[in-house]
Every structure is written in C-alpha cells, then in structure tokens.
C-alpha cells in the first residue's frame, strides 16, 4: 500500500467570543510596554472609556468587565452572525489559502499536531500570541468596511511561519535579531506576501495591501540609489534571489535577515518615533518627514 504524499496542513479553528479573555486583552494592551500606541487606538475606538478608567489597574479590570459585558449584550445580534460568517469563510477557503501561503514561503509544518486558533475581539486591532490570533470585528459591528477573517488569518499565520523560519536562521547565526528590526521585517514581509498573485486570487484584494500602518513610509536607500519603501526593498530582493536567480525562499530570507542585522539600530530609532507619535506621523509633515527619512544601507 502506497503512503499518502499529501502535505500536512494545520486546521484553523474559529473559537467563540469570550468576555473573560477579552477583558484580559484590554488590560494587556491598555498598558503594553512595547505597544504604547495601542492604548490610544482603544481609547479612540471607545471614547467613553477615557472617563471611566482610573489609575488603579485592579479597579480598571472591574470597569472593563462591566463595559465589555454591556457592549456584548448590546451588540449580540450583530456578533453572532459575524462569528457564523467567519466560520464559513475559514471552512471554505482556509485550507486553500494556508497551503498557498506555505507554498510561497517554501514552508512545511514539522509538528503534525499544530492547530491555529482564531478568536473574535472588539479591540480595534488584531493581536496574536503563540498559535492564537484575534480578529477584530469592531468595524463590522459598527457597520464599517472590515478586514475579513481570512485576510487576518493569513496575515497573522505568516508571522507564525516567519518566526519559525527566523528561529532556525538565528540558531545558525548564533544571535537573535533585535526585536525592533524583527517587528518591521515581519510586518513588511507579510505585506509583500499577501500581495503575491497566488494568494491574492483567494483573498481578492481590490488594491495594494499595505499591511500594518507602522511600516508605512519606512524607506531604504541602497548606496546612492533613490530611496524605496521597505515593502519595495523586500520585493526587489525577492525578485533578484527567488525569481531571477531561482534560489529558495530560505536563501532570500537569510539575505534579508543579514541586511536587517546591519540596520537594526535604525529600526529602533524608527520605533521610538512611532511609540511617541503613532498615527499622528501621517497627519503632521514634520513627523512624517522624520519617520520617512531613508535608512541607508550599502548596495
């Protein structure tokens, strides 16, 4: 009897809304040391929380529990069909999209027990941890155009795959990529990946997918060449290594990580600017010019 040659693909399991877990997420991101701008995102989305929250974190937990419970009850009729629709999207397209992403990243899952869990959240962003990602349903609840679960799933799972590939590269090099460089590379790489034709056919973007706002405007300048967006820098490197020279995605990633090590301090400078100003960068020319000042790298 012949063994099956079918590649293993993890399941994406959509879990239901959980208020207790949601409170923990709110507490975490209202006070997150690495993502200080997330507090502003939450308070801008829920302006009433500005007056309700105190300096006492224990009291805040009670306030948030009451607030989220009430929000859920008021929007239960909207939340339930969003959950149902999300389940249907993952059931019909999740496996195909995941296989396509893995093929682009030349990745195979070694752990055959792995699963990815998708959890709805009313946070105005979609965080992740380990093999769990949260997909924001706030925009859809408010009747706005919202990123659907499949797009968020591929965005976040591309991070999981990247981290696994990066871990092996770091082990080979005997050093870890600094966290700020890792952050900018993973987000820019994801934006590049999700714009690839093979996966775009499934996700059906009608325009360029720009990814995380934090990477917008970050520019790289090779030698005396014209500065380009970090996204385009990654795209050009991929075309050179994988398309023109027909090398593997792993070789491309190795070269990209080597370059990220060289300019890691510059990424940390950008992160400090983002942490201070956040999205105000795009409304204020002075901040925008500062943030988009090109990071120079040898050709």
Protein backbone atom coordinates (compact mmCIF):
# COMPACT_ATOMS: atom_id res chain seq x y z
CA UNK A 1 0.00 0.00 0.00
CA UNK A 2 1.41 3.37 -1.06
CA UNK A 3 1.87 6.05 1.59
CA UNK A 4 -0.01 9.28 1.04
CA UNK A 5 2.15 12.09 -0.31
CA UNK A 6 -0.39 14.72 0.71
CA UNK A 7 1.24 17.52 2.69
CA UNK A 8 0.03 18.20 6.22
CA UNK A 9 -1.96 21.42 6.67
CA UNK A 10 -2.97 22.60 10.15
CA UNK A 11 -6.60 23.33 10.91
CA UNK A 12 -7.74 26.88 11.60
CA UNK A 13 -10.33 26.67 14.37
CA UNK A 14 -12.64 29.62 14.96
CA UNK A 15 -13.48 30.00 18.63
CA UNK A 16 -16.39 31.94 20.08
CA UNK A 17 -16.29 35.34 21.76
CA UNK A 18 -15.06 35.06 25.38
CA UNK A 19 -15.66 38.03 27.68
CA UNK A 20 -13.18 36.98 30.38
CA UNK A 21 -10.41 36.62 27.81
CA UNK A 22 -11.46 39.89 26.19
CA UNK A 23 -11.04 41.76 29.48
CA UNK A 24 -7.50 40.34 29.79
CA UNK A 25 -6.70 41.56 26.28
CA UNK A 26 -7.97 45.07 27.02
CA UNK A 27 -5.97 45.25 30.26
CA UNK A 28 -2.88 43.99 28.45
CA UNK A 29 -2.99 46.44 25.57
CA UNK A 30 -4.07 49.45 27.59
CA UNK A 31 -0.78 49.06 29.44
CA UNK A 32 1.51 47.30 26.95
CA UNK A 33 5.18 48.40 27.30
CA UNK A 34 6.12 47.60 23.69
CA UNK A 35 2.93 48.89 22.04
CA UNK A 36 2.11 52.14 23.89
CA UNK A 37 0.13 53.46 20.90
CA UNK A 38 -2.40 50.62 21.29
CA UNK A 39 -3.83 52.46 24.29
CA UNK A 40 -4.65 55.40 22.03
CA UNK A 41 -6.25 53.07 19.48
CA UNK A 42 -8.51 51.59 22.17
CA UNK A 43 -9.47 54.94 23.68
CA UNK A 44 -10.17 56.44 20.26
CA UNK A 45 -12.43 53.48 19.43
CA UNK A 46 -14.19 53.58 22.83
CA UNK A 47 -14.13 57.24 23.82
CA UNK A 48 -16.34 56.63 26.86
CA UNK A 49 -13.53 54.61 28.44
CA UNK A 50 -11.39 57.75 28.77
CA UNK A 51 -13.59 58.98 31.61
CA UNK A 52 -14.24 55.57 33.15
CA UNK A 53 -10.69 54.29 33.58
CA UNK A 54 -8.64 55.19 36.65
CA UNK A 55 -5.02 54.86 37.79
CA UNK A 56 -5.95 51.73 39.72
CA UNK A 57 -5.46 48.71 37.43
CA UNK A 58 -7.48 46.42 39.74
CA UNK A 59 -10.41 48.82 39.54
CA UNK A 60 -9.95 49.08 35.76
CA UNK A 61 -10.48 45.34 35.43
CA UNK A 62 -13.90 45.66 37.08
CA UNK A 63 -14.74 48.66 34.90
CA UNK A 64 -13.70 46.83 31.73
CA UNK A 65 -15.61 43.68 32.69
CA UNK A 66 -18.81 45.69 33.10
CA UNK A 67 -18.15 47.73 29.95
CA UNK A 68 -17.40 44.72 27.72
CA UNK A 69 -20.35 42.74 29.09
CA UNK A 70 -22.69 45.62 28.28
CA UNK A 71 -21.15 46.12 24.83
CA UNK A 72 -21.56 42.42 24.06
CA UNK A 73 -25.20 42.37 25.19
CA UNK A 74 -26.00 45.47 23.13
CA UNK A 75 -24.35 44.00 20.03
CA UNK A 76 -25.09 40.30 20.48
CA UNK A 77 -27.38 40.22 17.43
CA UNK A 78 -24.54 41.55 15.27
CA UNK A 79 -21.74 39.50 16.81
CA UNK A 80 -23.36 36.08 16.36
CA UNK A 81 -23.79 36.30 12.54
CA UNK A 82 -20.23 37.68 12.20
CA UNK A 83 -18.94 34.61 14.05
CA UNK A 84 -21.05 32.32 11.86
CA UNK A 85 -19.87 34.01 8.66
CA UNK A 86 -16.23 33.83 9.80
CA UNK A 87 -16.59 30.11 10.41
CA UNK A 88 -17.99 29.62 6.91
CA UNK A 89 -15.16 31.59 5.28
CA UNK A 90 -12.49 29.55 7.07
CA UNK A 91 -14.29 26.26 6.29
CA UNK A 92 -14.49 27.04 2.58
CA UNK A 93 -11.22 28.88 1.90
CA UNK A 94 -8.94 28.46 4.92
CA UNK A 95 -7.09 25.34 3.84
CA UNK A 96 -6.51 26.56 0.28
CA UNK A 97 -5.24 29.95 1.48
CA UNK A 98 -2.95 28.35 4.07
CA UNK A 99 -1.48 25.90 1.57
CA UNK A 100 -0.88 28.76 -0.87
CA UNK A 101 0.87 30.86 1.77
CA UNK A 102 3.05 27.91 2.81
CA UNK A 103 3.99 27.26 -0.82
CA UNK A 104 5.08 30.88 -1.34
CA UNK A 105 7.17 30.74 1.87
CA UNK A 106 8.51 27.27 0.96
CA UNK A 107 7.34 26.00 4.35
CA UNK A 108 6.27 22.63 5.71
CA UNK A 109 4.84 22.02 9.16
CA UNK A 110 7.06 19.58 11.06
CA UNK A 111 4.71 19.41 14.04
CA UNK A 112 1.69 17.44 12.82
CA UNK A 113 -0.31 18.27 15.96
CA UNK A 114 -0.27 22.02 15.39
CA UNK A 115 -3.54 23.98 15.11
CA UNK A 116 -4.25 27.67 14.68
CA UNK A 117 -7.00 29.28 16.72
CA UNK A 118 -8.93 32.35 15.57
CA UNK A 119 -10.74 34.33 18.28
CA UNK A 120 -13.05 37.33 17.63
CA UNK A 121 -12.25 40.53 19.52
CA UNK A 122 -13.77 44.00 19.77
CA UNK A 123 -10.29 45.52 20.02
CA UNK A 124 -9.66 47.91 17.11
CA UNK A 125 -6.67 45.79 16.04
CA UNK A 126 -5.87 42.07 15.71
CA UNK A 127 -3.16 40.84 18.10
CA UNK A 128 -1.65 37.36 18.26
CA UNK A 129 0.15 35.06 20.69
CA UNK A 130 1.70 31.63 20.09
CA UNK A 131 -0.67 29.90 17.61
CA UNK A 132 -3.67 32.04 18.56
CA UNK A 133 -4.70 35.14 16.63
CA UNK A 134 -7.54 37.52 17.37
CA UNK A 135 -9.57 39.01 14.55
CA UNK A 136 -11.16 42.39 15.11
CA UNK A 137 -14.91 42.51 14.44
CA UNK A 138 -15.37 46.06 15.74
CA UNK A 139 -15.56 47.68 12.31
CA UNK A 140 -18.16 45.20 11.13
CA UNK A 141 -20.23 45.68 14.31
CA UNK A 142 -20.23 49.44 13.63
CA UNK A 143 -21.29 48.88 10.02
CA UNK A 144 -17.93 49.84 8.56
CA UNK A 145 -15.89 48.04 5.94
CA UNK A 146 -13.89 45.44 7.85
CA UNK A 147 -10.97 43.17 7.07
CA UNK A 148 -12.39 39.67 6.86
CA UNK A 149 -11.13 36.75 8.92
CA UNK A 150 -9.32 35.06 6.03
CA UNK A 151 -7.12 38.09 5.38
CA UNK A 152 -6.35 38.46 9.09
CA UNK A 153 -5.66 34.72 9.35
CA UNK A 154 -3.11 34.80 6.52
CA UNK A 155 -1.53 37.97 7.90
CA UNK A 156 -1.05 36.51 11.39
CA UNK A 157 -0.13 32.98 10.32
CA UNK A 158 2.53 34.41 8.01
CA UNK A 159 4.04 35.85 11.21
CA UNK A 160 3.96 32.42 12.88
CA UNK A 161 5.72 30.85 9.89
CA UNK A 162 8.25 33.70 9.73
CA UNK A 163 9.08 33.29 13.42
CA UNK A 164 9.68 29.57 12.94
CA UNK A 165 11.94 30.20 9.95
CA UNK A 166 13.73 33.05 11.75
CA UNK A 167 14.39 30.86 14.79
CA UNK A 168 16.36 28.45 12.61
CA UNK A 169 18.31 31.30 10.98
CA UNK A 170 19.13 32.78 14.39
CA UNK A 171 20.35 29.39 15.62
CA UNK A 172 22.65 29.14 12.60
CA UNK A 173 24.00 32.65 13.18
CA UNK A 174 24.25 32.25 16.95
CA UNK A 175 22.50 35.56 17.60
CA UNK A 176 18.97 36.93 17.73
CA UNK A 177 17.63 39.67 15.52
CA UNK A 178 16.82 42.71 17.72
CA UNK A 179 13.10 42.99 18.46
CA UNK A 180 12.50 46.29 16.62
CA UNK A 181 14.13 45.04 13.43
CA UNK A 182 12.15 41.81 13.77
CA UNK A 183 8.93 43.82 14.08
CA UNK A 184 9.50 45.93 10.96
CA UNK A 185 10.72 42.99 8.87
CA UNK A 186 7.83 40.68 9.79
CA UNK A 187 5.19 43.31 9.03
CA UNK A 188 6.77 44.39 5.73
CA UNK A 189 7.35 40.78 4.68
CA UNK A 190 3.69 39.98 5.38
CA UNK A 191 2.51 42.92 3.27
CA UNK A 192 4.72 41.69 0.44
CA UNK A 193 3.50 38.08 0.78
CA UNK A 194 -0.21 38.92 0.80
CA UNK A 195 0.17 40.90 -2.42
CA UNK A 196 1.50 37.86 -4.30
CA UNK A 197 -0.80 36.86 -7.16
CA UNK A 198 -1.31 33.27 -5.99
CA UNK A 199 -2.78 34.29 -2.65
CA UNK A 200 -4.37 37.49 -3.91
CA UNK A 201 -6.62 35.33 -6.09
CA UNK A 202 -8.03 33.84 -2.89
CA UNK A 203 -8.07 36.97 -0.69
CA UNK A 204 -9.34 39.12 -3.59
CA UNK A 205 -7.77 42.47 -2.70
CA UNK A 206 -9.04 45.23 -4.95
CA UNK A 207 -6.00 47.40 -4.24
CA UNK A 208 -2.46 47.08 -2.87
CA UNK A 209 -2.46 45.57 0.61
CA UNK A 210 -0.42 47.96 2.75
CA UNK A 211 -0.37 45.94 5.97
CA UNK A 212 0.38 47.39 9.39
CA UNK A 213 0.34 51.24 9.42
CA UNK A 214 3.59 51.17 11.37
CA UNK A 215 5.54 50.19 8.23
CA UNK A 216 4.04 52.89 6.01
CA UNK A 217 6.64 55.41 4.97
CA UNK A 218 9.67 53.43 6.16
CA UNK A 219 12.25 53.81 3.38
CA UNK A 220 15.52 52.11 2.50
CA UNK A 221 18.28 53.67 0.39
CA UNK A 222 20.89 51.45 -1.23
CA UNK A 223 24.07 53.41 -1.87
CA UNK A 224 23.22 56.49 -3.94
CA UNK A 225 20.06 54.98 -5.41
CA UNK A 226 16.63 56.53 -4.94
CA UNK A 227 15.04 55.57 -1.59
CA UNK A 228 12.26 52.98 -1.78
CA UNK A 229 9.58 51.81 0.65
CA UNK A 230 10.72 48.91 2.86
CA UNK A 231 7.97 46.85 1.20
CA UNK A 232 9.50 47.50 -2.23
CA UNK A 233 13.01 46.85 -0.94
CA UNK A 234 11.86 43.38 0.16
CA UNK A 235 10.04 42.84 -3.14
CA UNK A 236 13.15 43.76 -5.18
CA UNK A 237 15.31 41.44 -3.08
CA UNK A 238 12.83 38.59 -3.56
CA UNK A 239 12.74 39.12 -7.33
CA UNK A 240 16.54 39.12 -7.50
CA UNK A 241 17.06 36.00 -5.39
CA UNK A 242 13.96 33.86 -5.98
CA UNK A 243 12.82 34.91 -9.45
CA UNK A 244 15.95 35.92 -11.35
CA UNK A 245 18.46 33.60 -9.64
CA UNK A 246 15.87 30.89 -8.84
CA UNK A 247 17.04 30.44 -5.25
CA UNK A 248 14.83 29.27 -2.40
CA UNK A 249 12.71 31.41 -0.11
CA UNK A 250 15.02 30.38 2.76
CA UNK A 251 18.06 31.85 0.98
CA UNK A 252 16.11 35.06 0.32
CA UNK A 253 15.11 35.21 4.00
CA UNK A 254 18.70 34.63 5.10
CA UNK A 255 19.91 37.55 2.99
CA UNK A 256 17.05 39.75 4.22
CA UNK A 257 17.87 38.95 7.86
CA UNK A 258 21.57 39.69 7.26
CA UNK A 259 20.61 43.14 6.00
CA UNK A 260 18.19 43.64 8.91
CA UNK A 261 21.02 42.95 11.38
CA UNK A 262 23.15 45.65 9.74
CA UNK A 263 20.46 48.36 10.07
CA UNK A 264 18.80 47.13 13.26
CA UNK A 265 19.74 50.28 15.21
CA UNK A 266 17.99 52.40 12.60
CA UNK A 267 14.82 50.36 13.03
CA UNK A 268 15.00 51.03 16.77
CA UNK A 269 15.15 54.79 16.07
CA UNK A 270 12.02 54.48 13.92
CA UNK A 271 10.25 52.52 16.66
CA UNK A 272 10.92 55.29 19.20
CA UNK A 273 9.34 57.82 16.83
CA UNK A 274 6.30 55.57 16.29
CA UNK A 275 5.86 54.92 20.01
CA UNK A 276 5.86 58.67 20.65
CA UNK A 277 3.62 59.88 17.83
CA UNK A 278 1.76 56.88 16.37
CA UNK A 279 -0.60 57.69 13.51
CA UNK A 280 -0.08 61.42 14.11
CA UNK A 281 3.01 60.86 11.95
CA UNK A 282 0.79 60.77 8.85
CA UNK A 283 -1.08 63.96 9.73
CA UNK A 284 1.97 66.09 10.59
CA UNK A 285 4.57 66.81 7.88
CA UNK A 286 7.33 67.36 10.45
CA UNK A 287 6.78 63.93 12.00
CA UNK A 288 6.22 62.32 8.60
CA UNK A 289 9.50 63.67 7.21
CA UNK A 290 11.33 62.44 10.29
CA UNK A 291 9.80 58.97 10.12
CA UNK A 292 10.27 58.54 6.37
CA UNK A 293 13.90 59.68 6.34
CA UNK A 294 15.59 56.85 4.47
CA UNK A 295 17.61 54.18 6.27
CA UNK A 296 20.87 53.89 4.34
CA UNK A 297 22.40 50.54 3.51
CA UNK A 298 25.36 49.55 1.38
CA UNK A 299 24.43 48.46 -2.12
